[in-house]
Amino acid sequence: MPELPEIACRAREMNEALSGRVIRAVAVAQPKCLNVSVAAFQRGLSGAEVAQVTHRGKWLFVETSKGHLLLNLGMGGEILLVPSKRLPEKWRVRFDLDGGESLAVNFWWFGYAHYVPPGKLGGHTMSASLGPNVLDVSLAEFRRLLAGRRGAVKSFLLDQSKLAGIGNAYIHDILFRARLHPLETVSRLSPRDTRRLHTAIRAELRRSIEKGGAFYEVDLQGRPGGFLGTDLLVGYREGKPCPACGTAILKIRTGSTASFICPTCQRRSV
């Protein structure tokens, strides 16, 4: 599943490749991924000029002269910029551009391609409910978001309505960098803990962004990201030695999900 690093990379690539270009035609192979009828989707975006591409959480926002195209890859997928005469085998939605190229969007599971008319973006409930992009949050803002919260720190970080962009792929190494147990209670975090966690979030997500995101997602040309499984510190490395102290990494249950931790470096307060 793409998370903030992968979506940030796709937004950057799309912004560079699409800004100023015109969507000549729109084709839909999977109507259920839309929020409007196929006719309304095509009518809304055909002839639109792309202004810019931004992101928030796991959503891509393509601002055009006729409103917004919002894309969410769900559990994964591809957004490929290809010659219109050499389309990929699988695509769910396709945007034919000026210059003889097409933007072909494929979802593996549960993806979305939504159209929002001009001035109506605030009414798009799925994106309007998101918290701020986690990398845009200053330390002071981060502390305000944590103030008065109860529950586990892992649950808080994964709640997209609080902070947008962190998912199960990066959460393990973020918490390891911060030396926090995933079930540590937010209310028990000291100012030092909070600063360390804020720093860990930024360091871990930026480390992946610099490499083009995770290897299991591809860029607009179909090239895989450079952040590999071997770049992980403790995530998905059960039984391997902790990079800090050498203790074997454990896989534990944390609510409905699993977590990977160093039991020595990430002790839970009592």
C-alpha atoms as a PDB file:
ATOM      1  CA  MET A   1       0.000   0.000   0.000  1.00  0.00           C
ATOM      2  CA  PRO A   2       1.463   3.387  -0.951  1.00  0.00           C
ATOM      3  CA  GLU A   3       2.013   5.770   1.936  1.00  0.00           C
ATOM      4  CA  LEU A   4       3.220   9.362   2.118  1.00  0.00           C
ATOM      5  CA  PRO A   5       6.680   8.758   0.587  1.00  0.00           C
ATOM      6  CA  GLU A   6       5.258   7.029  -2.480  1.00  0.00           C
ATOM      7  CA  ILE A   7       2.400   9.514  -2.910  1.00  0.00           C
ATOM      8  CA  ALA A   8       4.755  12.475  -2.466  1.00  0.00           C
ATOM      9  CA  CYS A   9       7.000  11.061  -5.187  1.00  0.00           C
ATOM     10  CA  ARG A  10       4.069  10.486  -7.562  1.00  0.00           C
ATOM     11  CA  ALA A  11       2.805  14.026  -6.932  1.00  0.00           C
ATOM     12  CA  ARG A  12       6.208  15.489  -7.702  1.00  0.00           C
ATOM     13  CA  GLU A  13       6.566  13.445 -10.896  1.00  0.00           C
ATOM     14  CA  MET A  14       3.043  14.238 -12.071  1.00  0.00           C
ATOM     15  CA  ASN A  15       3.455  17.920 -11.347  1.00  0.00           C
ATOM     16  CA  GLU A  16       6.606  18.026 -13.442  1.00  0.00           C
ATOM     17  CA  ALA A  17       5.155  15.975 -16.306  1.00  0.00           C
ATOM     18  CA  LEU A  18       1.559  17.227 -16.462  1.00  0.00           C
ATOM     19  CA  SER A  19       1.439  20.905 -15.497  1.00  0.00           C
ATOM     20  CA  GLY A  20       0.144  22.948 -18.433  1.00  0.00           C
ATOM     21  CA  ARG A  21      -1.021  19.924 -20.398  1.00  0.00           C
ATOM     22  CA  VAL A  22      -4.584  19.387 -21.588  1.00  0.00           C
ATOM     23  CA  ILE A  23      -6.699  16.281 -21.007  1.00  0.00           C
ATOM     24  CA  ARG A  24      -8.139  15.592 -24.466  1.00  0.00           C
ATOM     25  CA  ALA A  25     -10.286  12.597 -23.559  1.00  0.00           C
ATOM     26  CA  VAL A  26     -11.160  10.374 -20.597  1.00  0.00           C
ATOM     27  CA  ALA A  27     -11.850   6.623 -20.665  1.00  0.00           C
ATOM     28  CA  VAL A  28     -13.200   4.578 -17.761  1.00  0.00           C
ATOM     29  CA  ALA A  29     -12.900   0.793 -17.533  1.00  0.00           C
ATOM     30  CA  GLN A  30     -13.965   0.499 -13.886  1.00  0.00           C
ATOM     31  CA  PRO A  31     -16.926   2.795 -13.121  1.00  0.00           C
ATOM     32  CA  LYS A  32     -17.159   1.680  -9.488  1.00  0.00           C
ATOM     33  CA  CYS A  33     -13.967   3.601  -8.660  1.00  0.00           C
ATOM     34  CA  LEU A  34     -15.723   6.892  -9.512  1.00  0.00           C
ATOM     35  CA  ASN A  35     -17.750   9.156  -7.238  1.00  0.00           C
ATOM     36  CA  VAL A  36     -19.938  10.382 -10.104  1.00  0.00           C
ATOM     37  CA  SER A  37     -21.354   8.831 -13.256  1.00  0.00           C
ATOM     38  CA  VAL A  38     -18.989   8.007 -16.098  1.00  0.00           C
ATOM     39  CA  ALA A  39     -20.614  10.744 -18.201  1.00  0.00           C
ATOM     40  CA  ALA A  40     -20.169  13.353 -15.451  1.00  0.00           C
ATOM     41  CA  PHE A  41     -16.570  12.276 -14.876  1.00  0.00           C
ATOM     42  CA  GLN A  42     -15.727  12.549 -18.568  1.00  0.00           C
ATOM     43  CA  ARG A  43     -17.594  15.815 -18.990  1.00  0.00           C
ATOM     44  CA  GLY A  44     -15.877  17.321 -15.959  1.00  0.00           C
ATOM     45  CA  LEU A  45     -12.309  16.531 -17.010  1.00  0.00           C
ATOM     46  CA  SER A  46     -12.303  16.402 -20.816  1.00  0.00           C
ATOM     47  CA  GLY A  47     -10.678  19.546 -22.167  1.00  0.00           C
ATOM     48  CA  ALA A  48      -9.275  20.511 -18.744  1.00  0.00           C
ATOM     49  CA  GLU A  49      -5.784  21.970 -18.442  1.00  0.00           C
ATOM     50  CA  VAL A  50      -3.693  20.654 -15.561  1.00  0.00           C
ATOM     51  CA  ALA A  51      -2.529  23.413 -13.213  1.00  0.00           C
ATOM     52  CA  GLN A  52      -0.647  21.522 -10.502  1.00  0.00           C
ATOM     53  CA  VAL A  53      -0.516  18.233  -8.625  1.00  0.00           C
ATOM     54  CA  THR A  54      -0.309  18.103  -4.832  1.00  0.00           C
ATOM     55  CA  HIS A  55      -0.925  15.431  -2.205  1.00  0.00           C
ATOM     56  CA  ARG A  56      -2.424  14.952   1.208  1.00  0.00           C
ATOM     57  CA  GLY A  57      -2.081  11.699   3.051  1.00  0.00           C
ATOM     58  CA  LYS A  58      -2.647   8.944   0.509  1.00  0.00           C
ATOM     59  CA  TRP A  59      -4.568  11.150  -1.949  1.00  0.00           C
ATOM     60  CA  LEU A  60      -3.257  12.879  -5.065  1.00  0.00           C
ATOM     61  CA  PHE A  61      -4.923  16.182  -5.963  1.00  0.00           C
ATOM     62  CA  VAL A  62      -4.754  17.091  -9.657  1.00  0.00           C
ATOM     63  CA  GLU A  63      -5.951  20.685  -9.936  1.00  0.00           C
ATOM     64  CA  THR A  64      -7.272  21.539 -13.394  1.00  0.00           C
ATOM     65  CA  SER A  65      -9.036  24.418 -15.098  1.00  0.00           C
ATOM     66  CA  LYS A  66     -12.332  22.530 -14.671  1.00  0.00           C
ATOM     67  CA  GLY A  67     -12.032  21.275 -11.106  1.00  0.00           C
ATOM     68  CA  HIS A  68     -10.059  18.578  -9.311  1.00  0.00           C
ATOM     69  CA  LEU A  69      -9.196  14.998 -10.158  1.00  0.00           C
ATOM     70  CA  LEU A  70      -8.534  13.080  -6.933  1.00  0.00           C
ATOM     71  CA  LEU A  71      -6.692   9.761  -7.065  1.00  0.00           C
ATOM     72  CA  ASN A  72      -6.187   7.221  -4.302  1.00  0.00           C
ATOM     73  CA  LEU A  73      -4.355   4.004  -5.158  1.00  0.00           C
ATOM     74  CA  GLY A  74      -5.913   2.102  -2.273  1.00  0.00           C
ATOM     75  CA  MET A  75      -3.923  -1.065  -1.623  1.00  0.00           C
ATOM     76  CA  GLY A  76      -1.560  -0.268  -4.482  1.00  0.00           C
ATOM     77  CA  GLY A  77      -1.405   0.227  -8.215  1.00  0.00           C
ATOM     78  CA  GLU A  78       0.309   2.150 -10.965  1.00  0.00           C
ATOM     79  CA  ILE A  79       0.034   5.576 -12.527  1.00  0.00           C
ATOM     80  CA  LEU A  80       1.888   5.388 -15.823  1.00  0.00           C
ATOM     81  CA  LEU A  81       2.597   8.067 -18.412  1.00  0.00           C
ATOM     82  CA  VAL A  82       2.852   6.209 -21.712  1.00  0.00           C
ATOM     83  CA  PRO A  83       2.487   6.778 -25.456  1.00  0.00           C
ATOM     84  CA  SER A  84      -1.217   6.566 -26.273  1.00  0.00           C
ATOM     85  CA  LYS A  85      -0.464   3.856 -28.841  1.00  0.00           C
ATOM     86  CA  ARG A  86       1.307   1.661 -26.255  1.00  0.00           C
ATOM     87  CA  LEU A  87      -1.071   1.428 -23.331  1.00  0.00           C
ATOM     88  CA  PRO A  88      -0.384  -0.991 -20.456  1.00  0.00           C
ATOM     89  CA  GLU A  89      -2.337  -4.238 -20.400  1.00  0.00           C
ATOM     90  CA  LYS A  90      -4.322  -3.219 -17.327  1.00  0.00           C
ATOM     91  CA  TRP A  91      -5.795   0.179 -16.531  1.00  0.00           C
ATOM     92  CA  ARG A  92      -8.955   1.335 -14.744  1.00  0.00           C
ATOM     93  CA  VAL A  93      -9.069   4.986 -15.790  1.00  0.00           C
ATOM     94  CA  ARG A  94      -7.203   6.651 -18.652  1.00  0.00           C
ATOM     95  CA  PHE A  95      -6.557  10.285 -19.488  1.00  0.00           C
ATOM     96  CA  ASP A  96      -5.449  11.003 -23.053  1.00  0.00           C
ATOM     97  CA  LEU A  97      -3.249  14.096 -23.118  1.00  0.00           C
ATOM     98  CA  ASP A  98      -2.043  16.498 -25.726  1.00  0.00           C
ATOM     99  CA  GLY A  99       1.253  15.424 -27.232  1.00  0.00           C
ATOM    100  CA  GLY A 100       0.192  11.825 -27.885  1.00  0.00           C
ATOM    101  CA  GLU A 101       0.577  10.477 -24.344  1.00  0.00           C
ATOM    102  CA  SER A 102      -1.860   8.973 -21.873  1.00  0.00           C
ATOM    103  CA  LEU A 103      -1.956   8.784 -18.100  1.00  0.00           C
ATOM    104  CA  ALA A 104      -3.094   5.238 -17.339  1.00  0.00           C
ATOM    105  CA  VAL A 105      -4.220   4.524 -13.783  1.00  0.00           C
ATOM    106  CA  ASN A 106      -4.507   0.985 -12.444  1.00  0.00           C
ATOM    107  CA  PHE A 107      -5.715  -0.076  -9.003  1.00  0.00           C
ATOM    108  CA  TRP A 108      -4.933  -3.423  -7.440  1.00  0.00           C
ATOM    109  CA  TRP A 109      -7.725  -3.167  -4.869  1.00  0.00           C
ATOM    110  CA  PHE A 110     -10.031  -0.425  -3.604  1.00  0.00           C
ATOM    111  CA  GLY A 111      -8.698   2.519  -5.569  1.00  0.00           C
ATOM    112  CA  TYR A 112     -10.574   5.759  -6.295  1.00  0.00           C
ATOM    113  CA  ALA A 113     -10.701   8.281  -9.114  1.00  0.00           C
ATOM    114  CA  HIS A 114     -12.969  11.146  -8.098  1.00  0.00           C
ATOM    115  CA  TYR A 115     -14.009  14.337  -9.813  1.00  0.00           C
ATOM    116  CA  VAL A 116     -14.757  17.468  -7.785  1.00  0.00           C
ATOM    117  CA  PRO A 117     -16.138  20.578  -9.523  1.00  0.00           C
ATOM    118  CA  PRO A 118     -14.486  23.978  -8.992  1.00  0.00           C
ATOM    119  CA  GLY A 119     -14.978  25.354  -5.491  1.00  0.00           C
ATOM    120  CA  LYS A 120     -16.355  22.079  -4.081  1.00  0.00           C
ATOM    121  CA  LEU A 121     -13.201  20.466  -2.736  1.00  0.00           C
ATOM    122  CA  GLY A 122     -14.192  21.065   0.879  1.00  0.00           C
ATOM    123  CA  GLY A 123     -17.282  18.922   0.289  1.00  0.00           C
ATOM    124  CA  HIS A 124     -15.272  15.852  -0.689  1.00  0.00           C
ATOM    125  CA  THR A 125     -15.743  13.988   2.564  1.00  0.00           C
ATOM    126  CA  MET A 126     -13.045  11.349   2.076  1.00  0.00           C
ATOM    127  CA  SER A 127     -10.248  13.904   1.769  1.00  0.00           C
ATOM    128  CA  ALA A 128     -11.782  16.653   3.907  1.00  0.00           C
ATOM    129  CA  SER A 129     -11.670  14.334   6.938  1.00  0.00           C
ATOM    130  CA  LEU A 130      -7.891  13.960   6.702  1.00  0.00           C
ATOM    131  CA  GLY A 131      -5.535  15.554   9.168  1.00  0.00           C
ATOM    132  CA  PRO A 132      -2.566  17.598   7.979  1.00  0.00           C
ATOM    133  CA  ASN A 133       0.250  16.006   6.025  1.00  0.00           C
ATOM    134  CA  VAL A 134       2.530  14.665   8.716  1.00  0.00           C
ATOM    135  CA  LEU A 135       5.667  16.199   7.166  1.00  0.00           C
ATOM    136  CA  ASP A 136       4.055  19.644   7.187  1.00  0.00           C
ATOM    137  CA  VAL A 137       3.497  19.604  10.960  1.00  0.00           C
ATOM    138  CA  SER A 138       5.959  21.566  13.072  1.00  0.00           C
ATOM    139  CA  LEU A 139       7.088  20.337  16.481  1.00  0.00           C
ATOM    140  CA  ALA A 140       4.824  22.870  18.212  1.00  0.00           C
ATOM    141  CA  GLU A 141       1.833  21.758  16.139  1.00  0.00           C
ATOM    142  CA  PHE A 142       2.692  18.115  16.771  1.00  0.00           C
ATOM    143  CA  ARG A 143       2.675  18.702  20.508  1.00  0.00           C
ATOM    144  CA  ARG A 144      -0.704  20.428  20.281  1.00  0.00           C
ATOM    145  CA  LEU A 145      -2.119  17.456  18.357  1.00  0.00           C
ATOM    146  CA  LEU A 146      -0.882  15.065  21.047  1.00  0.00           C
ATOM    147  CA  ALA A 147      -2.077  17.163  23.986  1.00  0.00           C
ATOM    148  CA  GLY A 148      -4.848  15.505  25.966  1.00  0.00           C
ATOM    149  CA  ARG A 149      -4.850  12.347  23.834  1.00  0.00           C
ATOM    150  CA  ARG A 150      -5.316   8.904  25.317  1.00  0.00           C
ATOM    151  CA  GLY A 151      -4.581   5.537  23.809  1.00  0.00           C
ATOM    152  CA  ALA A 152      -1.517   4.014  22.193  1.00  0.00           C
ATOM    153  CA  VAL A 153       1.002   6.071  20.268  1.00  0.00           C
ATOM    154  CA  LYS A 154       0.895   3.670  17.311  1.00  0.00           C
ATOM    155  CA  SER A 155      -2.879   4.027  16.999  1.00  0.00           C
ATOM    156  CA  PHE A 156      -2.576   7.795  17.081  1.00  0.00           C
ATOM    157  CA  LEU A 157       0.044   7.901  14.333  1.00  0.00           C
ATOM    158  CA  LEU A 158      -2.016   5.607  12.092  1.00  0.00           C
ATOM    159  CA  ASP A 159      -5.201   7.665  12.506  1.00  0.00           C
ATOM    160  CA  GLN A 160      -5.421   9.557   9.210  1.00  0.00           C
ATOM    161  CA  SER A 161      -7.886  12.040  10.694  1.00  0.00           C
ATOM    162  CA  LYS A 162      -5.156  13.201  13.097  1.00  0.00           C
ATOM    163  CA  LEU A 163      -2.063  13.011  10.878  1.00  0.00           C
ATOM    164  CA  ALA A 164      -2.157  12.004   7.233  1.00  0.00           C
ATOM    165  CA  GLY A 165       0.397   9.794   5.551  1.00  0.00           C
ATOM    166  CA  ILE A 166       1.809   7.193   7.952  1.00  0.00           C
ATOM    167  CA  GLY A 167       0.813   3.561   7.435  1.00  0.00           C
ATOM    168  CA  ASN A 168       1.911   0.093   8.428  1.00  0.00           C
ATOM    169  CA  ALA A 169       5.005   0.068   6.211  1.00  0.00           C
ATOM    170  CA  TYR A 170       6.875   2.869   8.002  1.00  0.00           C
ATOM    171  CA  ILE A 171       5.360   2.921  11.489  1.00  0.00           C
ATOM    172  CA  HIS A 172       7.697   0.238  12.906  1.00  0.00           C
ATOM    173  CA  ASP A 173      10.921   2.038  12.054  1.00  0.00           C
ATOM    174  CA  ILE A 174       9.500   5.400  13.125  1.00  0.00           C
ATOM    175  CA  LEU A 175       8.742   4.061  16.591  1.00  0.00           C
ATOM    176  CA  PHE A 176      12.104   2.286  16.754  1.00  0.00           C
ATOM    177  CA  ARG A 177      13.949   5.509  15.913  1.00  0.00           C
ATOM    178  CA  ALA A 178      11.974   7.257  18.651  1.00  0.00           C
ATOM    179  CA  ARG A 179      12.703   4.392  21.087  1.00  0.00           C
ATOM    180  CA  LEU A 180       9.000   4.031  21.823  1.00  0.00           C
ATOM    181  CA  HIS A 181       6.927   0.903  22.321  1.00  0.00           C
ATOM    182  CA  PRO A 182       3.901   0.922  19.966  1.00  0.00           C
ATOM    183  CA  LEU A 183       1.532   0.449  22.911  1.00  0.00           C
ATOM    184  CA  GLU A 184       3.041   3.309  24.923  1.00  0.00           C
ATOM    185  CA  THR A 185       0.257   5.638  26.012  1.00  0.00           C
ATOM    186  CA  VAL A 186       0.303   9.065  24.378  1.00  0.00           C
ATOM    187  CA  SER A 187      -0.375  10.761  27.698  1.00  0.00           C
ATOM    188  CA  ARG A 188       2.845   9.274  29.121  1.00  0.00           C
ATOM    189  CA  LEU A 189       5.101  10.824  26.467  1.00  0.00           C
ATOM    190  CA  SER A 190       7.565  13.319  27.847  1.00  0.00           C
ATOM    191  CA  PRO A 191       8.578  16.464  25.960  1.00  0.00           C
ATOM    192  CA  ARG A 192      11.782  14.631  25.048  1.00  0.00           C
ATOM    193  CA  ASP A 193       9.777  11.651  23.742  1.00  0.00           C
ATOM    194  CA  THR A 194       7.625  13.964  21.660  1.00  0.00           C
ATOM    195  CA  ARG A 195      10.597  15.719  20.131  1.00  0.00           C
ATOM    196  CA  ARG A 196      12.279  12.404  19.375  1.00  0.00           C
ATOM    197  CA  LEU A 197       9.107  11.048  17.757  1.00  0.00           C
ATOM    198  CA  HIS A 198       8.659  14.153  15.615  1.00  0.00           C
ATOM    199  CA  THR A 199      12.280  13.884  14.474  1.00  0.00           C
ATOM    200  CA  ALA A 200      11.896  10.156  13.763  1.00  0.00           C
ATOM    201  CA  ILE A 201       8.841  10.684  11.572  1.00  0.00           C
ATOM    202  CA  ARG A 202      10.598  13.249   9.446  1.00  0.00           C
ATOM    203  CA  ALA A 203      13.829  11.273   9.175  1.00  0.00           C
ATOM    204  CA  GLU A 204      12.187   7.981   8.239  1.00  0.00           C
ATOM    205  CA  LEU A 205       9.721   9.317   5.672  1.00  0.00           C
ATOM    206  CA  ARG A 206      12.296  11.593   4.044  1.00  0.00           C
ATOM    207  CA  ARG A 207      14.750   8.693   3.839  1.00  0.00           C
ATOM    208  CA  SER A 208      12.273   6.855   1.612  1.00  0.00           C
ATOM    209  CA  ILE A 209      11.288   9.927  -0.411  1.00  0.00           C
ATOM    210  CA  GLU A 210      14.940  10.526  -1.279  1.00  0.00           C
ATOM    211  CA  LYS A 211      15.055   7.017  -2.774  1.00  0.00           C
ATOM    212  CA  GLY A 212      11.843   7.389  -4.757  1.00  0.00           C
ATOM    213  CA  GLY A 213       9.636   5.491  -2.323  1.00  0.00           C
ATOM    214  CA  ALA A 214       9.253   1.768  -1.673  1.00  0.00           C
ATOM    215  CA  PHE A 215      10.445  -0.804  -4.186  1.00  0.00           C
ATOM    216  CA  TYR A 216       6.967  -2.327  -4.578  1.00  0.00           C
ATOM    217  CA  GLU A 217       5.556   0.884  -6.117  1.00  0.00           C
ATOM    218  CA  VAL A 218       6.622   2.299  -9.485  1.00  0.00           C
ATOM    219  CA  ASP A 219       7.056   5.803 -10.890  1.00  0.00           C
ATOM    220  CA  LEU A 220       5.348   7.260 -13.978  1.00  0.00           C
ATOM    221  CA  GLN A 221       7.782   5.375 -16.220  1.00  0.00           C
ATOM    222  CA  GLY A 222       7.235   2.062 -14.434  1.00  0.00           C
ATOM    223  CA  ARG A 223      10.538   2.092 -12.546  1.00  0.00           C
ATOM    224  CA  PRO A 224      10.436   0.699  -8.985  1.00  0.00           C
ATOM    225  CA  GLY A 225      11.310   2.855  -6.004  1.00  0.00           C
ATOM    226  CA  GLY A 226      14.733   2.552  -4.449  1.00  0.00           C
ATOM    227  CA  PHE A 227      13.711   2.065  -0.806  1.00  0.00           C
ATOM    228  CA  LEU A 228      14.331  -1.650  -0.325  1.00  0.00           C
ATOM    229  CA  GLY A 229      13.487  -4.207   2.315  1.00  0.00           C
ATOM    230  CA  THR A 230      17.117  -4.051   3.402  1.00  0.00           C
ATOM    231  CA  ASP A 231      16.648  -0.358   4.209  1.00  0.00           C
ATOM    232  CA  LEU A 232      14.229  -1.241   7.015  1.00  0.00           C
ATOM    233  CA  LEU A 233      15.611  -1.043  10.530  1.00  0.00           C
ATOM    234  CA  VAL A 234      13.251  -3.367  12.426  1.00  0.00           C
ATOM    235  CA  GLY A 235      10.076  -3.497  10.337  1.00  0.00           C
ATOM    236  CA  TYR A 236       9.310  -7.002   9.011  1.00  0.00           C
ATOM    237  CA  ARG A 237      12.701  -8.221  10.286  1.00  0.00           C
ATOM    238  CA  GLU A 238      11.549 -10.678  12.951  1.00  0.00           C
ATOM    239  CA  GLY A 239      14.460 -12.585  14.452  1.00  0.00           C
ATOM    240  CA  LYS A 240      17.108 -10.309  12.932  1.00  0.00           C
ATOM    241  CA  PRO A 241      19.472  -8.404  15.260  1.00  0.00           C
ATOM    242  CA  CYS A 242      18.525  -4.897  16.321  1.00  0.00           C
ATOM    243  CA  PRO A 243      20.797  -2.426  14.493  1.00  0.00           C
ATOM    244  CA  ALA A 244      21.386  -0.568  17.770  1.00  0.00           C
ATOM    245  CA  CYS A 245      21.915  -3.275  20.386  1.00  0.00           C
ATOM    246  CA  GLY A 246      21.857  -6.658  18.653  1.00  0.00           C
ATOM    247  CA  THR A 247      18.796  -8.026  20.456  1.00  0.00           C
ATOM    248  CA  ALA A 248      16.563 -10.193  18.261  1.00  0.00           C
ATOM    249  CA  ILE A 249      13.649  -8.246  16.785  1.00  0.00           C
ATOM    250  CA  LEU A 250      10.227  -9.444  17.922  1.00  0.00           C
ATOM    251  CA  LYS A 251       6.890  -9.537  16.162  1.00  0.00           C
ATOM    252  CA  ILE A 252       4.112  -8.752  18.627  1.00  0.00           C
ATOM    253  CA  ARG A 253       0.371  -8.234  18.449  1.00  0.00           C
ATOM    254  CA  THR A 254      -0.778  -4.663  18.975  1.00  0.00           C
ATOM    255  CA  GLY A 255      -4.533  -4.665  18.791  1.00  0.00           C
ATOM    256  CA  SER A 256      -5.658  -5.838  15.361  1.00  0.00           C
ATOM    257  CA  THR A 257      -2.212  -5.390  13.806  1.00  0.00           C
ATOM    258  CA  ALA A 258       1.296  -6.727  14.279  1.00  0.00           C
ATOM    259  CA  SER A 259       4.303  -4.654  15.285  1.00  0.00           C
ATOM    260  CA  PHE A 260       8.018  -5.274  14.964  1.00  0.00           C
ATOM    261  CA  ILE A 261      10.102  -4.021  17.875  1.00  0.00           C
ATOM    262  CA  CYS A 262      13.398  -4.323  19.671  1.00  0.00           C
ATOM    263  CA  PRO A 263      12.383  -5.425  23.187  1.00  0.00           C
ATOM    264  CA  THR A 264      15.503  -3.806  24.635  1.00  0.00           C
ATOM    265  CA  CYS A 265      15.388  -0.419  22.889  1.00  0.00           C
ATOM    266  CA  GLN A 266      11.596  -0.047  22.967  1.00  0.00           C
ATOM    267  CA  ARG A 267      10.527  -0.771  26.516  1.00  0.00           C
ATOM    268  CA  ARG A 268       7.025   0.195  27.551  1.00  0.00           C
ATOM    269  CA  SER A 269       6.752   2.349  30.655  1.00  0.00           C
ATOM    270  CA  VAL A 270       4.938   0.770  33.591  1.00  0.00           C
END
